[in-house]
Amino acid sequence: AMFRTLGYPEPVADLLGGICTNFAPSSVF
């Protein structure tokens, strides 16, 4: 949502957000 606020179209904002976020695998714990 922050990247969409900066003006990026939804597909671009979703990919930028995906690059900057992470799922941790449950095996870590």
ModelCIF file with pLDDT and N, C-alpha, C, O atoms, coordinates in Angstrom:
data_MODEL
#
_entry.id   MODEL 
#
_entity.id                         1 
_entity.type                       polymer 
_entity.pdbx_number_of_molecules   1 
#
_entity_poly.entity_id                      1 
_entity_poly.type                           'polypeptide(L)' 
_entity_poly.nstd_linkage                   no 
_entity_poly.nstd_monomer                   no 
_entity_poly.pdbx_seq_one_letter_code       AMFRTLGYPEPVADLLGGICTNFAPSSVF 
_entity_poly.pdbx_seq_one_letter_code_can   AMFRTLGYPEPVADLLGGICTNFAPSSVF 
_entity_poly.pdbx_strand_id                 A 
#
loop_
_entity_poly_seq.entity_id 
_entity_poly_seq.num 
_entity_poly_seq.mon_id 
_entity_poly_seq.hetero 
1 1  ALA n 
1 2  MET n 
1 3  PHE n 
1 4  ARG n 
1 5  THR n 
1 6  LEU n 
1 7  GLY n 
1 8  TYR n 
1 9  PRO n 
1 10 GLU n 
1 11 PRO n 
1 12 VAL n 
1 13 ALA n 
1 14 ASP n 
1 15 LEU n 
1 16 LEU n 
1 17 GLY n 
1 18 GLY n 
1 19 ILE n 
1 20 CYS n 
1 21 THR n 
1 22 ASN n 
1 23 PHE n 
1 24 ALA n 
1 25 PRO n 
1 26 SER n 
1 27 SER n 
1 28 VAL n 
1 29 PHE n 
#
_struct_asym.id          A 
_struct_asym.entity_id   1 
#
loop_
_ma_qa_metric.id 
_ma_qa_metric.mode 
_ma_qa_metric.name 
_ma_qa_metric.software_group_id 
_ma_qa_metric.type 
1 global pLDDT . pLDDT 
2 local  pLDDT . pLDDT 
#
_ma_qa_metric_global.metric_id      1 
_ma_qa_metric_global.metric_value   93.59 
_ma_qa_metric_global.model_id       1 
_ma_qa_metric_global.ordinal_id     1 
#
loop_
_ma_qa_metric_local.label_asym_id 
_ma_qa_metric_local.label_comp_id 
_ma_qa_metric_local.label_seq_id 
_ma_qa_metric_local.metric_id 
_ma_qa_metric_local.metric_value 
_ma_qa_metric_local.model_id 
_ma_qa_metric_local.ordinal_id 
A ALA 1  2 96.00 1 1  
A MET 2  2 96.00 1 2  
A PHE 3  2 97.00 1 3  
A ARG 4  2 95.00 1 4  
A THR 5  2 94.00 1 5  
A LEU 6  2 95.00 1 6  
A GLY 7  2 93.00 1 7  
A TYR 8  2 95.00 1 8  
A PRO 9  2 93.00 1 9  
A GLU 10 2 93.00 1 10 
A PRO 11 2 93.00 1 11 
A VAL 12 2 96.00 1 12 
A ALA 13 2 96.00 1 13 
A ASP 14 2 96.00 1 14 
A LEU 15 2 97.00 1 15 
A LEU 16 2 98.00 1 16 
A GLY 17 2 97.00 1 17 
A GLY 18 2 97.00 1 18 
A ILE 19 2 97.00 1 19 
A CYS 20 2 98.00 1 20 
A THR 21 2 97.00 1 21 
A ASN 22 2 95.00 1 22 
A PHE 23 2 90.00 1 23 
A ALA 24 2 90.00 1 24 
A PRO 25 2 88.00 1 25 
A SER 26 2 85.00 1 26 
A SER 27 2 84.00 1 27 
A VAL 28 2 87.00 1 28 
A PHE 29 2 86.00 1 29 
#
loop_
_atom_site.group_PDB 
_atom_site.id 
_atom_site.type_symbol 
_atom_site.label_atom_id 
_atom_site.label_alt_id 
_atom_site.label_comp_id 
_atom_site.label_asym_id 
_atom_site.label_entity_id 
_atom_site.label_seq_id 
_atom_site.pdbx_PDB_ins_code 
_atom_site.Cartn_x 
_atom_site.Cartn_y 
_atom_site.Cartn_z 
_atom_site.occupancy 
_atom_site.B_iso_or_equiv 
_atom_site.pdbx_formal_charge 
_atom_site.auth_seq_id 
_atom_site.auth_comp_id 
_atom_site.auth_asym_id 
_atom_site.auth_atom_id 
_atom_site.pdbx_PDB_model_num 
ATOM 1   N N  . ALA A 1 1  ? 0.829  -1.210  0.000   1.00 96.00 ? 1  ALA A N  1 
ATOM 2   C CA . ALA A 1 1  ? 0.000  0.000   0.000   1.00 96.00 ? 1  ALA A CA 1 
ATOM 3   C C  . ALA A 1 1  ? 0.864  1.260   0.000   1.00 96.00 ? 1  ALA A C  1 
ATOM 4   O O  . ALA A 1 1  ? 0.500  2.260   -0.619  1.00 96.00 ? 1  ALA A O  1 
ATOM 5   N N  . MET A 1 2  ? 2.001  1.217   0.688   1.00 96.00 ? 2  MET A N  1 
ATOM 6   C CA . MET A 1 2  ? 2.893  2.374   0.703   1.00 96.00 ? 2  MET A CA 1 
ATOM 7   C C  . MET A 1 2  ? 3.432  2.657   -0.698  1.00 96.00 ? 2  MET A C  1 
ATOM 8   O O  . MET A 1 2  ? 3.494  3.814   -1.114  1.00 96.00 ? 2  MET A O  1 
ATOM 9   N N  . PHE A 1 3  ? 3.823  1.609   -1.431  1.00 97.00 ? 3  PHE A N  1 
ATOM 10  C CA . PHE A 1 3  ? 4.331  1.821   -2.792  1.00 97.00 ? 3  PHE A CA 1 
ATOM 11  C C  . PHE A 1 3  ? 3.213  2.330   -3.712  1.00 97.00 ? 3  PHE A C  1 
ATOM 12  O O  . PHE A 1 3  ? 3.487  3.111   -4.624  1.00 97.00 ? 3  PHE A O  1 
ATOM 13  N N  . ARG A 1 4  ? 1.968  1.910   -3.496  1.00 95.00 ? 4  ARG A N  1 
ATOM 14  C CA . ARG A 1 4  ? 0.861  2.467   -4.289  1.00 95.00 ? 4  ARG A CA 1 
ATOM 15  C C  . ARG A 1 4  ? 0.658  3.939   -3.947  1.00 95.00 ? 4  ARG A C  1 
ATOM 16  O O  . ARG A 1 4  ? 0.308  4.735   -4.819  1.00 95.00 ? 4  ARG A O  1 
ATOM 17  N N  . THR A 1 5  ? 0.876  4.307   -2.681  1.00 94.00 ? 5  THR A N  1 
ATOM 18  C CA . THR A 1 5  ? 0.764  5.709   -2.287  1.00 94.00 ? 5  THR A CA 1 
ATOM 19  C C  . THR A 1 5  ? 1.810  6.562   -3.008  1.00 94.00 ? 5  THR A C  1 
ATOM 20  O O  . THR A 1 5  ? 1.555  7.719   -3.341  1.00 94.00 ? 5  THR A O  1 
ATOM 21  N N  . LEU A 1 6  ? 2.989  5.978   -3.245  1.00 95.00 ? 6  LEU A N  1 
ATOM 22  C CA . LEU A 1 6  ? 4.024  6.696   -3.987  1.00 95.00 ? 6  LEU A CA 1 
ATOM 23  C C  . LEU A 1 6  ? 3.683  6.822   -5.466  1.00 95.00 ? 6  LEU A C  1 
ATOM 24  O O  . LEU A 1 6  ? 4.356  7.549   -6.197  1.00 95.00 ? 6  LEU A O  1 
ATOM 25  N N  . GLY A 1 7  ? 2.637  6.118   -5.917  1.00 93.00 ? 7  GLY A N  1 
ATOM 26  C CA . GLY A 1 7  ? 2.161  6.283   -7.286  1.00 93.00 ? 7  GLY A CA 1 
ATOM 27  C C  . GLY A 1 7  ? 2.331  5.093   -8.187  1.00 93.00 ? 7  GLY A C  1 
ATOM 28  O O  . GLY A 1 7  ? 1.907  5.141   -9.341  1.00 93.00 ? 7  GLY A O  1 
ATOM 29  N N  . TYR A 1 8  ? 2.941  4.010   -7.704  1.00 95.00 ? 8  TYR A N  1 
ATOM 30  C CA . TYR A 1 8  ? 3.217  2.878   -8.576  1.00 95.00 ? 8  TYR A CA 1 
ATOM 31  C C  . TYR A 1 8  ? 1.949  2.061   -8.827  1.00 95.00 ? 8  TYR A C  1 
ATOM 32  O O  . TYR A 1 8  ? 1.160  1.853   -7.905  1.00 95.00 ? 8  TYR A O  1 
ATOM 33  N N  . PRO A 1 9  ? 1.743  1.595   -10.064 1.00 93.00 ? 9  PRO A N  1 
ATOM 34  C CA . PRO A 1 9  ? 0.582  0.747   -10.354 1.00 93.00 ? 9  PRO A CA 1 
ATOM 35  C C  . PRO A 1 9  ? 0.579  -0.507  -9.478  1.00 93.00 ? 9  PRO A C  1 
ATOM 36  O O  . PRO A 1 9  ? 1.619  -0.938  -8.980  1.00 93.00 ? 9  PRO A O  1 
ATOM 37  N N  . GLU A 1 10 ? -0.590 -1.068  -9.306  1.00 93.00 ? 10 GLU A N  1 
ATOM 38  C CA . GLU A 1 10 ? -0.746 -2.190  -8.378  1.00 93.00 ? 10 GLU A CA 1 
ATOM 39  C C  . GLU A 1 10 ? 0.207  -3.355  -8.657  1.00 93.00 ? 10 GLU A C  1 
ATOM 40  O O  . GLU A 1 10 ? 0.827  -3.843  -7.713  1.00 93.00 ? 10 GLU A O  1 
ATOM 41  N N  . PRO A 1 11 ? 0.360  -3.833  -9.909  1.00 93.00 ? 11 PRO A N  1 
ATOM 42  C CA . PRO A 1 11 ? 1.288  -4.960  -10.131 1.00 93.00 ? 11 PRO A CA 1 
ATOM 43  C C  . PRO A 1 11 ? 2.731  -4.623  -9.751  1.00 93.00 ? 11 PRO A C  1 
ATOM 44  O O  . PRO A 1 11 ? 3.448  -5.465  -9.211  1.00 93.00 ? 11 PRO A O  1 
ATOM 45  N N  . VAL A 1 12 ? 3.150  -3.391  -10.036 1.00 96.00 ? 12 VAL A N  1 
ATOM 46  C CA . VAL A 1 12 ? 4.515  -2.973  -9.691  1.00 96.00 ? 12 VAL A CA 1 
ATOM 47  C C  . VAL A 1 12 ? 4.665  -2.848  -8.182  1.00 96.00 ? 12 VAL A C  1 
ATOM 48  O O  . VAL A 1 12 ? 5.669  -3.288  -7.621  1.00 96.00 ? 12 VAL A O  1 
ATOM 49  N N  . ALA A 1 13 ? 3.674  -2.250  -7.518  1.00 96.00 ? 13 ALA A N  1 
ATOM 50  C CA . ALA A 1 13 ? 3.739  -2.082  -6.066  1.00 96.00 ? 13 ALA A CA 1 
ATOM 51  C C  . ALA A 1 13 ? 3.761  -3.425  -5.355  1.00 96.00 ? 13 ALA A C  1 
ATOM 52  O O  . ALA A 1 13 ? 4.464  -3.589  -4.357  1.00 96.00 ? 13 ALA A O  1 
ATOM 53  N N  . ASP A 1 14 ? 2.994  -4.393  -5.861  1.00 96.00 ? 14 ASP A N  1 
ATOM 54  C CA . ASP A 1 14 ? 2.985  -5.707  -5.232  1.00 96.00 ? 14 ASP A CA 1 
ATOM 55  C C  . ASP A 1 14 ? 4.342  -6.382  -5.332  1.00 96.00 ? 14 ASP A C  1 
ATOM 56  O O  . ASP A 1 14 ? 4.794  -7.010  -4.374  1.00 96.00 ? 14 ASP A O  1 
ATOM 57  N N  . LEU A 1 15 ? 5.001  -6.261  -6.484  1.00 97.00 ? 15 LEU A N  1 
ATOM 58  C CA . LEU A 1 15 ? 6.318  -6.880  -6.648  1.00 97.00 ? 15 LEU A CA 1 
ATOM 59  C C  . LEU A 1 15 ? 7.375  -6.169  -5.803  1.00 97.00 ? 15 LEU A C  1 
ATOM 60  O O  . LEU A 1 15 ? 8.225  -6.826  -5.201  1.00 97.00 ? 15 LEU A O  1 
ATOM 61  N N  . LEU A 1 16 ? 7.334  -4.837  -5.752  1.00 98.00 ? 16 LEU A N  1 
ATOM 62  C CA . LEU A 1 16 ? 8.273  -4.106  -4.898  1.00 98.00 ? 16 LEU A CA 1 
ATOM 63  C C  . LEU A 1 16 ? 8.080  -4.496  -3.441  1.00 98.00 ? 16 LEU A C  1 
ATOM 64  O O  . LEU A 1 16 ? 9.054  -4.689  -2.712  1.00 98.00 ? 16 LEU A O  1 
ATOM 65  N N  . GLY A 1 17 ? 6.820  -4.613  -3.012  1.00 97.00 ? 17 GLY A N  1 
ATOM 66  C CA . GLY A 1 17 ? 6.559  -5.038  -1.652  1.00 97.00 ? 17 GLY A CA 1 
ATOM 67  C C  . GLY A 1 17 ? 7.027  -6.456  -1.394  1.00 97.00 ? 17 GLY A C  1 
ATOM 68  O O  . GLY A 1 17 ? 7.530  -6.754  -0.311  1.00 97.00 ? 17 GLY A O  1 
ATOM 69  N N  . GLY A 1 18 ? 6.867  -7.341  -2.383  1.00 97.00 ? 18 GLY A N  1 
ATOM 70  C CA . GLY A 1 18 ? 7.325  -8.712  -2.213  1.00 97.00 ? 18 GLY A CA 1 
ATOM 71  C C  . GLY A 1 18 ? 8.828  -8.813  -2.085  1.00 97.00 ? 18 GLY A C  1 
ATOM 72  O O  . GLY A 1 18 ? 9.330  -9.643  -1.327  1.00 97.00 ? 18 GLY A O  1 
ATOM 73  N N  . ILE A 1 19 ? 9.554  -7.982  -2.813  1.00 97.00 ? 19 ILE A N  1 
ATOM 74  C CA . ILE A 1 19 ? 11.016 -7.998  -2.727  1.00 97.00 ? 19 ILE A CA 1 
ATOM 75  C C  . ILE A 1 19 ? 11.483 -7.540  -1.345  1.00 97.00 ? 19 ILE A C  1 
ATOM 76  O O  . ILE A 1 19 ? 12.513 -8.002  -0.854  1.00 97.00 ? 19 ILE A O  1 
ATOM 77  N N  . CYS A 1 20 ? 10.738 -6.643  -0.723  1.00 98.00 ? 20 CYS A N  1 
ATOM 78  C CA . CYS A 1 20 ? 11.152 -6.052  0.558   1.00 98.00 ? 20 CYS A CA 1 
ATOM 79  C C  . CYS A 1 20 ? 10.584 -6.770  1.774   1.00 98.00 ? 20 CYS A C  1 
ATOM 80  O O  . CYS A 1 20 ? 10.900 -6.400  2.905   1.00 98.00 ? 20 CYS A O  1 
ATOM 81  N N  . THR A 1 21 ? 9.742  -7.802  1.566   1.00 97.00 ? 21 THR A N  1 
ATOM 82  C CA . THR A 1 21 ? 9.168  -8.532  2.695   1.00 97.00 ? 21 THR A CA 1 
ATOM 83  C C  . THR A 1 21 ? 9.524  -10.003 2.572   1.00 97.00 ? 21 THR A C  1 
ATOM 84  O O  . THR A 1 21 ? 10.109 -10.426 1.576   1.00 97.00 ? 21 THR A O  1 
ATOM 85  N N  . ASN A 1 22 ? 9.172  -10.779 3.585   1.00 95.00 ? 22 ASN A N  1 
ATOM 86  C CA . ASN A 1 22 ? 9.615  -12.174 3.618   1.00 95.00 ? 22 ASN A CA 1 
ATOM 87  C C  . ASN A 1 22 ? 8.661  -13.046 4.426   1.00 95.00 ? 22 ASN A C  1 
ATOM 88  O O  . ASN A 1 22 ? 8.069  -12.601 5.409   1.00 95.00 ? 22 ASN A O  1 
ATOM 89  N N  . PHE A 1 23 ? 8.523  -14.307 3.988   1.00 90.00 ? 23 PHE A N  1 
ATOM 90  C CA . PHE A 1 23 ? 7.949  -15.375 4.801   1.00 90.00 ? 23 PHE A CA 1 
ATOM 91  C C  . PHE A 1 23 ? 9.130  -16.139 5.412   1.00 90.00 ? 23 PHE A C  1 
ATOM 92  O O  . PHE A 1 23 ? 10.041 -16.522 4.678   1.00 90.00 ? 23 PHE A O  1 
ATOM 93  N N  . ALA A 1 24 ? 9.142  -16.365 6.683   1.00 90.00 ? 24 ALA A N  1 
ATOM 94  C CA . ALA A 1 24 ? 10.157 -17.238 7.274   1.00 90.00 ? 24 ALA A CA 1 
ATOM 95  C C  . ALA A 1 24 ? 9.634  -18.672 7.270   1.00 90.00 ? 24 ALA A C  1 
ATOM 96  O O  . ALA A 1 24 ? 8.504  -18.894 7.703   1.00 90.00 ? 24 ALA A O  1 
ATOM 97  N N  . PRO A 1 25 ? 10.404 -19.656 6.800   1.00 88.00 ? 25 PRO A N  1 
ATOM 98  C CA . PRO A 1 25 ? 9.933  -21.044 6.832   1.00 88.00 ? 25 PRO A CA 1 
ATOM 99  C C  . PRO A 1 25 ? 9.767  -21.530 8.259   1.00 88.00 ? 25 PRO A C  1 
ATOM 100 O O  . PRO A 1 25 ? 10.561 -21.187 9.135   1.00 88.00 ? 25 PRO A O  1 
ATOM 101 N N  . SER A 1 26 ? 8.748  -22.320 8.490   1.00 85.00 ? 26 SER A N  1 
ATOM 102 C CA . SER A 1 26 ? 8.466  -22.805 9.848   1.00 85.00 ? 26 SER A CA 1 
ATOM 103 C C  . SER A 1 26 ? 9.580  -23.683 10.386  1.00 85.00 ? 26 SER A C  1 
ATOM 104 O O  . SER A 1 26 ? 9.706  -23.856 11.599  1.00 85.00 ? 26 SER A O  1 
ATOM 105 N N  . SER A 1 27 ? 10.404 -24.250 9.478   1.00 84.00 ? 27 SER A N  1 
ATOM 106 C CA . SER A 1 27 ? 11.500 -25.114 9.938   1.00 84.00 ? 27 SER A CA 1 
ATOM 107 C C  . SER A 1 27 ? 12.543 -24.351 10.757  1.00 84.00 ? 27 SER A C  1 
ATOM 108 O O  . SER A 1 27 ? 13.314 -24.961 11.497  1.00 84.00 ? 27 SER A O  1 
ATOM 109 N N  . VAL A 1 28 ? 12.572 -23.015 10.629  1.00 87.00 ? 28 VAL A N  1 
ATOM 110 C CA . VAL A 1 28 ? 13.525 -22.217 11.414  1.00 87.00 ? 28 VAL A CA 1 
ATOM 111 C C  . VAL A 1 28 ? 13.282 -22.403 12.906  1.00 87.00 ? 28 VAL A C  1 
ATOM 112 O O  . VAL A 1 28 ? 14.214 -22.303 13.704  1.00 87.00 ? 28 VAL A O  1 
ATOM 113 N N  . PHE A 1 29 ? 12.036 -22.675 13.288  1.00 86.00 ? 29 PHE A N  1 
ATOM 114 C CA . PHE A 1 29 ? 11.683 -22.772 14.706  1.00 86.00 ? 29 PHE A CA 1 
ATOM 115 C C  . PHE A 1 29 ? 11.444 -24.218 15.149  1.00 86.00 ? 29 PHE A C  1 
ATOM 116 O O  . PHE A 1 29 ? 11.138 -24.464 16.316  1.00 86.00 ? 29 PHE A O  1 
#
